[in-house]
């Protein structure tokens, strides 16, 4: 069976998919790899044309009828996560804030953290420049911008990991890999095995996987790329623990209490 498998052009995704893409592990299926930024993948998931895709946890709230969550491949913040930056320290209430997509998990956390702001959608890799140019008051950063914003003369004004952890004490679920319910059950199980094996290979061979991930490093040097990849490819990624399941449930409960979305049932393939 041929599976269309989509992930983002980010170092952490490239790191975890390296062994699968480069034939380092045995697969019981054929793979067509598709690479697009996370918000495009979120929107493609609504069309249902991908068998396997990276997906924002936020987007899953609207897609639980089409996809199951895989217990391997999650991106989870623990001590770090999306941040909001500005040219100087400002009060964010009511401000124009650039976000990397309305279905990103970072955008959901921001909606929970602030009472009101003007949402300005743009590609994630344009946000820092838009803040520097004054096109927006602040920007919500995901990916490597969390490590490099100071190099662009910007200041962190809100750390969403800190906001979340102070309120819940839980890890911060951001992204998951999901598989279409149209895929036969035995193939779902086989893909999960391969995904877990690919992650394990990367964790055991980090320099090798980082060299591959450098193709998607967007100007980062080797050590920064490795650091970023291993921030989000970790024990949570290899096998989702109960604390992450609890955190996803809590996130959706908080969002439902605020009237943002309806809490979905979590269907996770372990």
Protein backbone atom coordinates (compact mmCIF):
# COMPACT_ATOMS: atom_id res chain seq x y z
CA UNK A 1 0.00 0.00 0.00
CA UNK A 2 1.21 3.50 -0.81
CA UNK A 3 0.82 6.16 1.89
CA UNK A 4 1.08 9.91 1.38
CA UNK A 5 3.06 10.99 4.43
CA UNK A 6 3.30 14.72 5.06
CA UNK A 7 5.48 16.66 7.46
CA UNK A 8 6.86 20.15 7.81
CA UNK A 9 10.13 21.56 6.39
CA UNK A 10 11.43 21.95 9.94
CA UNK A 11 14.55 20.48 11.49
CA UNK A 12 12.70 18.49 14.14
CA UNK A 13 10.36 16.79 11.65
CA UNK A 14 13.24 16.07 9.26
CA UNK A 15 15.23 14.66 12.20
CA UNK A 16 12.49 12.19 13.23
CA UNK A 17 11.60 11.12 9.66
CA UNK A 18 15.25 10.73 8.54
CA UNK A 19 15.48 6.95 8.96
CA UNK A 20 12.15 6.40 7.19
CA UNK A 21 13.00 8.73 4.28
CA UNK A 22 16.56 7.48 3.76
CA UNK A 23 15.83 3.76 3.97
CA UNK A 24 17.52 3.16 7.31
CA UNK A 25 14.60 1.03 8.49
CA UNK A 26 12.46 -1.63 6.81
CA UNK A 27 8.98 -0.53 5.71
CA UNK A 28 5.98 -2.71 4.96
CA UNK A 29 4.46 -0.03 2.72
CA UNK A 30 5.44 2.50 0.06
CA UNK A 31 5.79 6.16 1.06
CA UNK A 32 5.22 9.34 -0.92
CA UNK A 33 6.72 12.15 1.15
CA UNK A 34 5.05 15.56 1.09
CA UNK A 35 6.66 18.58 2.76
CA UNK A 36 4.68 21.74 3.54
CA UNK A 37 4.49 24.21 6.42
CA UNK A 38 2.25 23.25 9.33
CA UNK A 39 -0.67 25.54 8.54
CA UNK A 40 -0.84 24.24 4.97
CA UNK A 41 -0.84 20.70 6.35
CA UNK A 42 -3.59 21.63 8.80
CA UNK A 43 -5.70 22.92 5.92
CA UNK A 44 -4.94 19.91 3.71
CA UNK A 45 -6.08 17.64 6.52
CA UNK A 46 -9.50 19.29 6.31
CA UNK A 47 -9.59 18.15 2.66
CA UNK A 48 -8.77 14.60 3.76
CA UNK A 49 -6.25 13.94 0.97
CA UNK A 50 -3.37 12.74 3.17
CA UNK A 51 -3.11 9.29 4.75
CA UNK A 52 -0.55 10.43 7.35
CA UNK A 53 0.30 13.99 8.30
CA UNK A 54 1.82 16.18 10.94
CA UNK A 55 -1.01 18.15 12.50
CA UNK A 56 -1.37 20.86 15.09
CA UNK A 57 -3.05 19.57 18.25
CA UNK A 58 -5.43 22.53 17.87
CA UNK A 59 -6.50 21.37 14.39
CA UNK A 60 -7.26 17.88 15.66
CA UNK A 61 -10.24 19.32 17.55
CA UNK A 62 -11.98 19.73 14.18
CA UNK A 63 -10.71 16.53 12.54
CA UNK A 64 -11.16 13.75 15.09
CA UNK A 65 -13.79 12.12 12.86
CA UNK A 66 -11.23 11.71 10.04
CA UNK A 67 -7.95 10.96 11.79
CA UNK A 68 -6.47 9.01 14.70
CA UNK A 69 -3.54 10.33 16.71
CA UNK A 70 -0.36 8.26 16.55
CA UNK A 71 1.35 7.74 19.91
CA UNK A 72 4.72 8.30 18.19
CA UNK A 73 5.78 11.58 16.64
CA UNK A 74 4.27 14.18 18.96
CA UNK A 75 5.96 17.57 19.41
CA UNK A 76 5.74 18.50 23.07
CA UNK A 77 7.26 21.46 24.89
CA UNK A 78 8.73 20.86 28.33
CA UNK A 79 10.54 23.93 29.62
CA UNK A 80 10.10 25.71 26.28
CA UNK A 81 7.41 26.46 23.72
CA UNK A 82 5.97 29.23 21.54
CA UNK A 83 6.80 32.80 22.53
CA UNK A 84 5.56 36.26 21.65
CA UNK A 85 8.19 38.84 20.71
CA UNK A 86 8.12 42.57 20.09
CA UNK A 87 10.56 45.39 19.42
CA UNK A 88 10.27 46.40 23.08
CA UNK A 89 8.33 45.44 26.20
CA UNK A 90 4.61 46.11 25.59
CA UNK A 91 1.19 45.19 26.94
CA UNK A 92 -0.20 42.73 24.39
CA UNK A 93 -3.90 43.26 25.09
CA UNK A 94 -5.60 44.76 22.04
CA UNK A 95 -2.43 44.71 19.94
CA UNK A 96 -1.88 43.47 16.37
CA UNK A 97 -0.12 40.13 16.74
CA UNK A 98 1.17 38.07 13.83
CA UNK A 99 0.40 34.35 14.14
CA UNK A 100 1.63 31.46 11.96
CA UNK A 101 -1.89 30.18 11.21
CA UNK A 102 -5.27 30.13 12.92
CA UNK A 103 -5.21 26.33 13.39
CA UNK A 104 -1.74 26.18 14.94
CA UNK A 105 -1.58 25.13 18.57
CA UNK A 106 0.44 28.24 19.37
CA UNK A 107 -2.50 30.38 18.23
CA UNK A 108 -4.83 28.46 20.55
CA UNK A 109 -2.54 28.94 23.55
CA UNK A 110 -2.34 32.65 22.73
CA UNK A 111 -6.14 32.94 22.60
CA UNK A 112 -6.31 31.34 26.03
CA UNK A 113 -3.59 33.60 27.46
CA UNK A 114 -4.95 36.95 26.20
CA UNK A 115 -8.42 38.43 26.51
CA UNK A 116 -8.27 40.35 23.23
CA UNK A 117 -5.88 40.98 20.37
CA UNK A 118 -6.02 41.53 16.61
CA UNK A 119 -4.97 38.35 14.87
CA UNK A 120 -2.81 38.80 11.74
CA UNK A 121 -2.10 35.56 9.88
CA UNK A 122 1.14 35.15 7.93
CA UNK A 123 3.74 32.51 7.13
CA UNK A 124 5.80 31.62 10.18
CA UNK A 125 9.06 32.60 8.48
CA UNK A 126 7.85 36.18 7.81
CA UNK A 127 6.82 36.99 11.36
CA UNK A 128 10.07 38.29 12.83
CA UNK A 129 10.66 40.64 9.90
CA UNK A 130 7.08 41.92 10.15
CA UNK A 131 7.68 42.74 13.80
CA UNK A 132 11.00 44.45 13.03
CA UNK A 133 9.38 46.50 10.24
CA UNK A 134 6.52 47.61 12.48
CA UNK A 135 3.85 45.94 10.34
CA UNK A 136 2.54 44.32 13.53
CA UNK A 137 3.00 45.11 17.20
CA UNK A 138 4.20 41.62 18.12
CA UNK A 139 4.69 38.16 16.67
CA UNK A 140 4.00 34.62 17.81
CA UNK A 141 7.06 32.47 17.14
CA UNK A 142 7.20 28.74 16.59
CA UNK A 143 10.09 26.64 15.28
CA UNK A 144 13.66 27.94 15.49
CA UNK A 145 12.60 31.56 16.03
CA UNK A 146 12.32 30.59 19.68
CA UNK A 147 16.12 30.30 19.71
CA UNK A 148 17.15 33.10 17.33
CA UNK A 149 14.86 36.08 18.05
CA UNK A 150 17.55 37.96 20.01
CA UNK A 151 19.77 37.95 16.92
CA UNK A 152 17.03 39.99 15.23
CA UNK A 153 16.95 42.60 17.99
CA UNK A 154 13.61 41.46 19.40
CA UNK A 155 12.46 40.99 22.98
CA UNK A 156 10.38 38.19 24.46
CA UNK A 157 7.22 39.63 26.00
CA UNK A 158 5.22 36.44 26.64
CA UNK A 159 6.39 32.87 27.16
CA UNK A 160 3.43 30.60 26.51
CA UNK A 161 5.17 27.59 28.03
CA UNK A 162 5.50 29.45 31.32
CA UNK A 163 1.87 30.59 31.10
CA UNK A 164 0.68 27.03 30.47
CA UNK A 165 2.89 25.32 33.06
CA UNK A 166 1.95 27.75 35.83
CA UNK A 167 -1.71 26.87 35.29
CA UNK A 168 -1.50 23.13 34.68
CA UNK A 169 1.89 21.75 35.68
CA UNK A 170 1.70 19.64 32.52
CA UNK A 171 3.86 19.32 29.38
CA UNK A 172 2.76 21.46 26.43
CA UNK A 173 1.33 19.46 23.49
CA UNK A 174 1.87 21.27 20.20
CA UNK A 175 1.88 18.83 17.31
CA UNK A 176 0.97 15.22 16.59
CA UNK A 177 1.21 12.80 13.72
CA UNK A 178 -2.18 11.48 12.65
CA UNK A 179 -3.33 8.68 10.37
CA UNK A 180 -6.50 8.57 8.33
CA UNK A 181 -9.31 6.31 9.50
CA UNK A 182 -9.54 5.13 5.88
CA UNK A 183 -6.19 3.31 6.24
CA UNK A 184 -6.66 -0.38 7.17
CA UNK A 185 -6.02 -1.14 10.84
CA UNK A 186 -3.06 -3.44 10.16
CA UNK A 187 -1.36 -0.73 8.08
CA UNK A 188 -2.01 1.83 10.83
CA UNK A 189 -0.23 -0.45 13.29
CA UNK A 190 2.64 -1.07 10.86
CA UNK A 191 3.11 2.64 10.22
CA UNK A 192 3.18 3.35 13.96
CA UNK A 193 5.89 0.72 14.38
CA UNK A 194 7.95 2.28 11.59
CA UNK A 195 7.46 5.80 12.95
CA UNK A 196 8.65 4.73 16.38
CA UNK A 197 11.64 2.93 14.87
CA UNK A 198 12.55 6.02 12.82
CA UNK A 199 12.43 8.23 15.93
CA UNK A 200 14.53 5.74 17.89
CA UNK A 201 17.13 5.68 15.10
CA UNK A 202 17.40 9.49 15.16
CA UNK A 203 17.71 9.65 18.94
CA UNK A 204 20.46 6.99 18.87
CA UNK A 205 22.25 8.63 15.90
CA UNK A 206 21.69 12.36 16.49
CA UNK A 207 24.63 13.68 14.46
CA UNK A 208 23.68 11.57 11.43
CA UNK A 209 20.03 12.66 11.66
CA UNK A 210 21.06 16.29 12.17
CA UNK A 211 23.17 16.27 9.00
CA UNK A 212 20.02 15.31 7.11
CA UNK A 213 17.95 17.89 9.01
CA UNK A 214 20.43 20.61 7.97
CA UNK A 215 18.65 20.61 4.58
CA UNK A 216 15.77 22.27 6.40
CA UNK A 217 17.77 24.36 8.88
CA UNK A 218 17.00 27.76 7.30
CA UNK A 219 20.42 29.19 8.04
CA UNK A 220 21.00 27.60 11.45
CA UNK A 221 24.41 26.09 12.13
CA UNK A 222 24.85 22.40 12.96
CA UNK A 223 24.79 22.73 16.74
CA UNK A 224 21.74 25.01 16.78
CA UNK A 225 19.92 22.67 14.40
CA UNK A 226 20.75 19.69 16.60
CA UNK A 227 19.67 21.55 19.72
CA UNK A 228 16.35 22.56 18.17
CA UNK A 229 15.66 19.08 16.77
CA UNK A 230 16.33 17.42 20.10
CA UNK A 231 14.15 19.93 21.95
CA UNK A 232 11.14 18.49 20.15
CA UNK A 233 12.26 14.92 19.40
CA UNK A 234 12.48 13.32 22.81
CA UNK A 235 10.92 10.72 25.09
CA UNK A 236 7.48 12.28 24.53
CA UNK A 237 7.97 11.84 20.79
CA UNK A 238 9.01 8.20 20.98
CA UNK A 239 6.00 7.08 23.03
CA UNK A 240 3.28 9.44 24.22
CA UNK A 241 2.96 9.23 28.03
CA UNK A 242 -0.22 9.66 30.03
CA UNK A 243 0.86 13.20 31.03
CA UNK A 244 0.62 14.33 27.38
CA UNK A 245 -2.80 12.72 26.96
CA UNK A 246 -3.90 14.53 30.12
CA UNK A 247 -2.44 17.78 28.79
CA UNK A 248 -4.34 17.51 25.49
CA UNK A 249 -7.57 16.87 27.35
CA UNK A 250 -6.91 19.85 29.61
CA UNK A 251 -6.10 22.12 26.66
CA UNK A 252 -9.35 21.22 24.92
CA UNK A 253 -11.33 21.63 28.15
CA UNK A 254 -9.92 25.13 28.66
CA UNK A 255 -10.68 26.04 25.05
CA UNK A 256 -14.23 24.72 25.36
CA UNK A 257 -14.76 26.70 28.58
CA UNK A 258 -13.75 29.84 26.66
CA UNK A 259 -16.12 29.02 23.80
CA UNK A 260 -13.29 28.59 21.29
CA UNK A 261 -14.04 25.01 20.25
CA UNK A 262 -15.84 21.83 21.24
CA UNK A 263 -13.67 19.29 23.08
CA UNK A 264 -13.07 16.30 20.78
CA UNK A 265 -12.75 12.66 21.82
CA UNK A 266 -9.10 11.58 21.82
CA UNK A 267 -8.53 8.45 19.75
CA UNK A 268 -4.86 7.54 20.11
CA UNK A 269 -3.21 4.50 18.54
CA UNK A 270 -0.72 3.02 21.00
